[in-house]
Amino acid sequence: MKYAGLLIMPAGFILSIAAIILFPSPAYRAIFVICGIAVEVMGLIVAVRGHMLSRSETRP
């Protein structure tokens, strides 16, 4: 899962850049940029949770 999160983050960045380039209307741009940022945040959450130790690994 940790690698999936690291792959999702660039997808959100590309979505944001594509929205700025493709949409002439500022309203559509803003919506897609917010969606791109949300995808980046989800990828970050998946990556962080994938790198966290589980409770069973921390107990002796």
PDB file of N, CA and C in Angstrom:
ATOM      1  N   MET A   1       0.809  -1.202   0.000  1.00  0.00           N
ATOM      2  CA  MET A   1       0.000   0.000   0.000  1.00  0.00           C
ATOM      3  C   MET A   1       0.855   1.271   0.000  1.00  0.00           C
ATOM      4  N   LYS A   2       2.044   1.194   0.612  1.00  0.00           N
ATOM      5  CA  LYS A   2       2.836   2.417   0.692  1.00  0.00           C
ATOM      6  C   LYS A   2       3.272   2.889  -0.693  1.00  0.00           C
ATOM      7  N   TYR A   3       3.499   1.952  -1.601  1.00  0.00           N
ATOM      8  CA  TYR A   3       3.893   2.358  -2.952  1.00  0.00           C
ATOM      9  C   TYR A   3       2.708   2.892  -3.747  1.00  0.00           C
ATOM     10  N   ALA A   4       1.520   2.397  -3.448  1.00  0.00           N
ATOM     11  CA  ALA A   4       0.323   2.908  -4.115  1.00  0.00           C
ATOM     12  C   ALA A   4       0.111   4.375  -3.769  1.00  0.00           C
ATOM     13  N   GLY A   5       0.340   4.727  -2.514  1.00  0.00           N
ATOM     14  CA  GLY A   5       0.212   6.124  -2.104  1.00  0.00           C
ATOM     15  C   GLY A   5       1.216   7.016  -2.801  1.00  0.00           C
ATOM     16  N   LEU A   6       2.430   6.506  -2.964  1.00  0.00           N
ATOM     17  CA  LEU A   6       3.458   7.290  -3.635  1.00  0.00           C
ATOM     18  C   LEU A   6       3.167   7.454  -5.128  1.00  0.00           C
ATOM     19  N   LEU A   7       2.409   6.553  -5.700  1.00  0.00           N
ATOM     20  CA  LEU A   7       2.023   6.680  -7.107  1.00  0.00           C
ATOM     21  C   LEU A   7       0.794   7.572  -7.288  1.00  0.00           C
ATOM     22  N   ILE A   8      -0.037   7.654  -6.268  1.00  0.00           N
ATOM     23  CA  ILE A   8      -1.256   8.464  -6.353  1.00  0.00           C
ATOM     24  C   ILE A   8      -0.930   9.953  -6.283  1.00  0.00           C
ATOM     25  N   MET A   9       0.073  10.324  -5.499  1.00  0.00           N
ATOM     26  CA  MET A   9       0.392  11.747  -5.321  1.00  0.00           C
ATOM     27  C   MET A   9       0.754  12.448  -6.634  1.00  0.00           C
ATOM     28  N   PRO A  10       1.600  11.872  -7.493  1.00  0.00           N
ATOM     29  CA  PRO A  10       1.859  12.555  -8.766  1.00  0.00           C
ATOM     30  C   PRO A  10       0.625  12.638  -9.664  1.00  0.00           C
ATOM     31  N   ALA A  11      -0.284  11.682  -9.535  1.00  0.00           N
ATOM     32  CA  ALA A  11      -1.517  11.734 -10.329  1.00  0.00           C
ATOM     33  C   ALA A  11      -2.338  12.965  -9.963  1.00  0.00           C
ATOM     34  N   GLY A  12      -2.397  13.295  -8.695  1.00  0.00           N
ATOM     35  CA  GLY A  12      -3.111  14.505  -8.273  1.00  0.00           C
ATOM     36  C   GLY A  12      -2.440  15.762  -8.785  1.00  0.00           C
ATOM     37  N   PHE A  13      -1.120  15.765  -8.783  1.00  0.00           N
ATOM     38  CA  PHE A  13      -0.384  16.914  -9.299  1.00  0.00           C
ATOM     39  C   PHE A  13      -0.633  17.087 -10.800  1.00  0.00           C
ATOM     40  N   ILE A  14      -0.600  16.002 -11.543  1.00  0.00           N
ATOM     41  CA  ILE A  14      -0.847  16.051 -12.992  1.00  0.00           C
ATOM     42  C   ILE A  14      -2.274  16.499 -13.269  1.00  0.00           C
ATOM     43  N   LEU A  15      -3.222  16.066 -12.446  1.00  0.00           N
ATOM     44  CA  LEU A  15      -4.613  16.493 -12.603  1.00  0.00           C
ATOM     45  C   LEU A  15      -4.743  17.997 -12.412  1.00  0.00           C
ATOM     46  N   SER A  16      -4.049  18.534 -11.423  1.00  0.00           N
ATOM     47  CA  SER A  16      -4.097  19.980 -11.186  1.00  0.00           C
ATOM     48  C   SER A  16      -3.482  20.758 -12.342  1.00  0.00           C
ATOM     49  N   ILE A  17      -2.347  20.326 -12.832  1.00  0.00           N
ATOM     50  CA  ILE A  17      -1.687  21.006 -13.952  1.00  0.00           C
ATOM     51  C   ILE A  17      -2.543  20.921 -15.218  1.00  0.00           C
ATOM     52  N   ALA A  18      -3.120  19.751 -15.468  1.00  0.00           N
ATOM     53  CA  ALA A  18      -3.978  19.592 -16.650  1.00  0.00           C
ATOM     54  C   ALA A  18      -5.197  20.501 -16.569  1.00  0.00           C
ATOM     55  N   ALA A  19      -5.753  20.672 -15.378  1.00  0.00           N
ATOM     56  CA  ALA A  19      -6.921  21.546 -15.225  1.00  0.00           C
ATOM     57  C   ALA A  19      -6.558  22.987 -15.550  1.00  0.00           C
ATOM     58  N   ILE A  20      -5.397  23.428 -15.109  1.00  0.00           N
ATOM     59  CA  ILE A  20      -4.976  24.802 -15.389  1.00  0.00           C
ATOM     60  C   ILE A  20      -4.775  25.013 -16.881  1.00  0.00           C
ATOM     61  N   ILE A  21      -4.251  24.011 -17.554  1.00  0.00           N
ATOM     62  CA  ILE A  21      -3.973  24.141 -18.986  1.00  0.00           C
ATOM     63  C   ILE A  21      -5.248  24.008 -19.823  1.00  0.00           C
ATOM     64  N   LEU A  22      -6.121  23.068 -19.478  1.00  0.00           N
ATOM     65  CA  LEU A  22      -7.235  22.717 -20.360  1.00  0.00           C
ATOM     66  C   LEU A  22      -8.498  23.563 -20.185  1.00  0.00           C
ATOM     67  N   PHE A  23      -8.786  24.022 -18.981  1.00  0.00           N
ATOM     68  CA  PHE A  23     -10.061  24.693 -18.752  1.00  0.00           C
ATOM     69  C   PHE A  23      -9.913  26.205 -18.819  1.00  0.00           C
ATOM     70  N   PRO A  24     -10.699  26.843 -19.679  1.00  0.00           N
ATOM     71  CA  PRO A  24     -10.620  28.300 -19.785  1.00  0.00           C
ATOM     72  C   PRO A  24     -11.376  29.015 -18.660  1.00  0.00           C
ATOM     73  N   SER A  25     -12.400  28.374 -18.127  1.00  0.00           N
ATOM     74  CA  SER A  25     -13.221  29.000 -17.092  1.00  0.00           C
ATOM     75  C   SER A  25     -12.564  28.863 -15.716  1.00  0.00           C
ATOM     76  N   PRO A  26     -12.455  29.961 -14.984  1.00  0.00           N
ATOM     77  CA  PRO A  26     -11.837  29.873 -13.652  1.00  0.00           C
ATOM     78  C   PRO A  26     -12.607  28.974 -12.678  1.00  0.00           C
ATOM     79  N   ALA A  27     -13.905  28.883 -12.839  1.00  0.00           N
ATOM     80  CA  ALA A  27     -14.699  28.039 -11.935  1.00  0.00           C
ATOM     81  C   ALA A  27     -14.344  26.559 -12.132  1.00  0.00           C
ATOM     82  N   TYR A  28     -14.275  26.120 -13.383  1.00  0.00           N
ATOM     83  CA  TYR A  28     -13.906  24.726 -13.655  1.00  0.00           C
ATOM     84  C   TYR A  28     -12.476  24.447 -13.222  1.00  0.00           C
ATOM     85  N   ARG A  29     -11.586  25.390 -13.449  1.00  0.00           N
ATOM     86  CA  ARG A  29     -10.197  25.230 -13.009  1.00  0.00           C
ATOM     87  C   ARG A  29     -10.127  25.025 -11.507  1.00  0.00           C
ATOM     88  N   ALA A  30     -10.837  25.865 -10.777  1.00  0.00           N
ATOM     89  CA  ALA A  30     -10.795  25.782  -9.312  1.00  0.00           C
ATOM     90  C   ALA A  30     -11.325  24.438  -8.821  1.00  0.00           C
ATOM     91  N   ILE A  31     -12.399  23.964  -9.428  1.00  0.00           N
ATOM     92  CA  ILE A  31     -12.974  22.682  -9.022  1.00  0.00           C
ATOM     93  C   ILE A  31     -11.975  21.549  -9.250  1.00  0.00           C
ATOM     94  N   PHE A  32     -11.349  21.531 -10.419  1.00  0.00           N
ATOM     95  CA  PHE A  32     -10.418  20.448 -10.718  1.00  0.00           C
ATOM     96  C   PHE A  32      -9.115  20.569  -9.945  1.00  0.00           C
ATOM     97  N   VAL A  33      -8.681  21.770  -9.648  1.00  0.00           N
ATOM     98  CA  VAL A  33      -7.490  21.936  -8.820  1.00  0.00           C
ATOM     99  C   VAL A  33      -7.773  21.441  -7.403  1.00  0.00           C
ATOM    100  N   ILE A  34      -8.953  21.726  -6.886  1.00  0.00           N
ATOM    101  CA  ILE A  34      -9.325  21.209  -5.558  1.00  0.00           C
ATOM    102  C   ILE A  34      -9.385  19.686  -5.575  1.00  0.00           C
ATOM    103  N   CYS A  35      -9.928  19.119  -6.641  1.00  0.00           N
ATOM    104  CA  CYS A  35      -9.956  17.654  -6.755  1.00  0.00           C
ATOM    105  C   CYS A  35      -8.540  17.083  -6.830  1.00  0.00           C
ATOM    106  N   GLY A  36      -7.656  17.741  -7.568  1.00  0.00           N
ATOM    107  CA  GLY A  36      -6.268  17.289  -7.654  1.00  0.00           C
ATOM    108  C   GLY A  36      -5.569  17.343  -6.310  1.00  0.00           C
ATOM    109  N   ILE A  37      -5.812  18.401  -5.560  1.00  0.00           N
ATOM    110  CA  ILE A  37      -5.221  18.512  -4.228  1.00  0.00           C
ATOM    111  C   ILE A  37      -5.786  17.425  -3.309  1.00  0.00           C
ATOM    112  N   ALA A  38      -7.072  17.132  -3.440  1.00  0.00           N
ATOM    113  CA  ALA A  38      -7.677  16.073  -2.634  1.00  0.00           C
ATOM    114  C   ALA A  38      -7.051  14.713  -2.963  1.00  0.00           C
ATOM    115  N   VAL A  39      -6.775  14.462  -4.232  1.00  0.00           N
ATOM    116  CA  VAL A  39      -6.122  13.208  -4.630  1.00  0.00           C
ATOM    117  C   VAL A  39      -4.713  13.145  -4.034  1.00  0.00           C
ATOM    118  N   GLU A  40      -3.986  14.264  -4.049  1.00  0.00           N
ATOM    119  CA  GLU A  40      -2.655  14.284  -3.451  1.00  0.00           C
ATOM    120  C   GLU A  40      -2.713  13.998  -1.961  1.00  0.00           C
ATOM    121  N   VAL A  41      -3.683  14.576  -1.266  1.00  0.00           N
ATOM    122  CA  VAL A  41      -3.824  14.348   0.171  1.00  0.00           C
ATOM    123  C   VAL A  41      -4.164  12.882   0.445  1.00  0.00           C
ATOM    124  N   MET A  42      -5.042  12.297  -0.367  1.00  0.00           N
ATOM    125  CA  MET A  42      -5.360  10.879  -0.189  1.00  0.00           C
ATOM    126  C   MET A  42      -4.134  10.009  -0.400  1.00  0.00           C
ATOM    127  N   GLY A  43      -3.329  10.337  -1.403  1.00  0.00           N
ATOM    128  CA  GLY A  43      -2.093   9.590  -1.630  1.00  0.00           C
ATOM    129  C   GLY A  43      -1.129   9.720  -0.472  1.00  0.00           C
ATOM    130  N   LEU A  44      -1.041  10.916   0.093  1.00  0.00           N
ATOM    131  CA  LEU A  44      -0.176  11.131   1.243  1.00  0.00           C
ATOM    132  C   LEU A  44      -0.650  10.316   2.446  1.00  0.00           C
ATOM    133  N   ILE A  45      -1.953  10.278   2.664  1.00  0.00           N
ATOM    134  CA  ILE A  45      -2.509   9.502   3.775  1.00  0.00           C
ATOM    135  C   ILE A  45      -2.219   8.012   3.583  1.00  0.00           C
ATOM    136  N   VAL A  46      -2.408   7.513   2.378  1.00  0.00           N
ATOM    137  CA  VAL A  46      -2.138   6.096   2.108  1.00  0.00           C
ATOM    138  C   VAL A  46      -0.653   5.791   2.302  1.00  0.00           C
ATOM    139  N   ALA A  47       0.215   6.682   1.854  1.00  0.00           N
ATOM    140  CA  ALA A  47       1.652   6.458   2.005  1.00  0.00           C
ATOM    141  C   ALA A  47       2.062   6.474   3.474  1.00  0.00           C
ATOM    142  N   VAL A  48       1.543   7.401   4.242  1.00  0.00           N
ATOM    143  CA  VAL A  48       1.898   7.484   5.661  1.00  0.00           C
ATOM    144  C   VAL A  48       1.369   6.269   6.409  1.00  0.00           C
ATOM    145  N   ARG A  49       0.142   5.893   6.144  1.00  0.00           N
ATOM    146  CA  ARG A  49      -0.420   4.724   6.826  1.00  0.00           C
ATOM    147  C   ARG A  49       0.296   3.446   6.423  1.00  0.00           C
ATOM    148  N   GLY A  50       0.808   3.385   5.215  1.00  0.00           N
ATOM    149  CA  GLY A  50       1.553   2.205   4.780  1.00  0.00           C
ATOM    150  C   GLY A  50       2.904   2.090   5.448  1.00  0.00           C
ATOM    151  N   HIS A  51       3.473   3.212   5.860  1.00  0.00           N
ATOM    152  CA  HIS A  51       4.780   3.192   6.515  1.00  0.00           C
ATOM    153  C   HIS A  51       4.693   3.088   8.036  1.00  0.00           C
ATOM    154  N   MET A  52       3.509   3.222   8.585  1.00  0.00           N
ATOM    155  CA  MET A  52       3.347   3.126  10.038  1.00  0.00           C
ATOM    156  C   MET A  52       3.443   1.663  10.470  1.00  0.00           C
ATOM    157  N   LEU A  53       3.997   1.443  11.654  1.00  0.00           N
ATOM    158  CA  LEU A  53       4.059   0.103  12.204  1.00  0.00           C
ATOM    159  C   LEU A  53       2.703  -0.274  12.758  1.00  0.00           C
ATOM    160  N   SER A  54       2.344  -1.538  12.590  1.00  0.00           N
ATOM    161  CA  SER A  54       1.083  -1.979  13.179  1.00  0.00           C
ATOM    162  C   SER A  54       1.267  -2.190  14.673  1.00  0.00           C
ATOM    163  N   ARG A  55       0.188  -2.271  15.396  1.00  0.00           N
ATOM    164  CA  ARG A  55       0.262  -2.416  16.860  1.00  0.00           C
ATOM    165  C   ARG A  55       0.939  -3.718  17.255  1.00  0.00           C
ATOM    166  N   SER A  56       0.734  -4.769  16.476  1.00  0.00           N
ATOM    167  CA  SER A  56       1.346  -6.056  16.816  1.00  0.00           C
ATOM    168  C   SER A  56       2.866  -6.018  16.628  1.00  0.00           C
ATOM    169  N   GLU A  57       3.374  -5.168  15.761  1.00  0.00           N
ATOM    170  CA  GLU A  57       4.810  -5.074  15.546  1.00  0.00           C
ATOM    171  C   GLU A  57       5.502  -4.272  16.642  1.00  0.00           C
ATOM    172  N   THR A  58       4.776  -3.395  17.331  1.00  0.00           N
ATOM    173  CA  THR A  58       5.396  -2.554  18.360  1.00  0.00           C
ATOM    174  C   THR A  58       5.441  -3.249  19.721  1.00  0.00           C
ATOM    175  N   ARG A  59       4.635  -4.234  19.939  1.00  0.00           N
ATOM    176  CA  ARG A  59       4.624  -4.933  21.232  1.00  0.00           C
ATOM    177  C   ARG A  59       5.708  -6.011  21.242  1.00  0.00           C
ATOM    178  N   PRO A  60       6.385  -6.190  22.396  1.00  0.00           N
ATOM    179  CA  PRO A  60       7.421  -7.231  22.469  1.00  0.00           C
ATOM    180  C   PRO A  60       6.870  -8.624  22.579  1.00  0.00           C
TER     181      PRO A  60
END
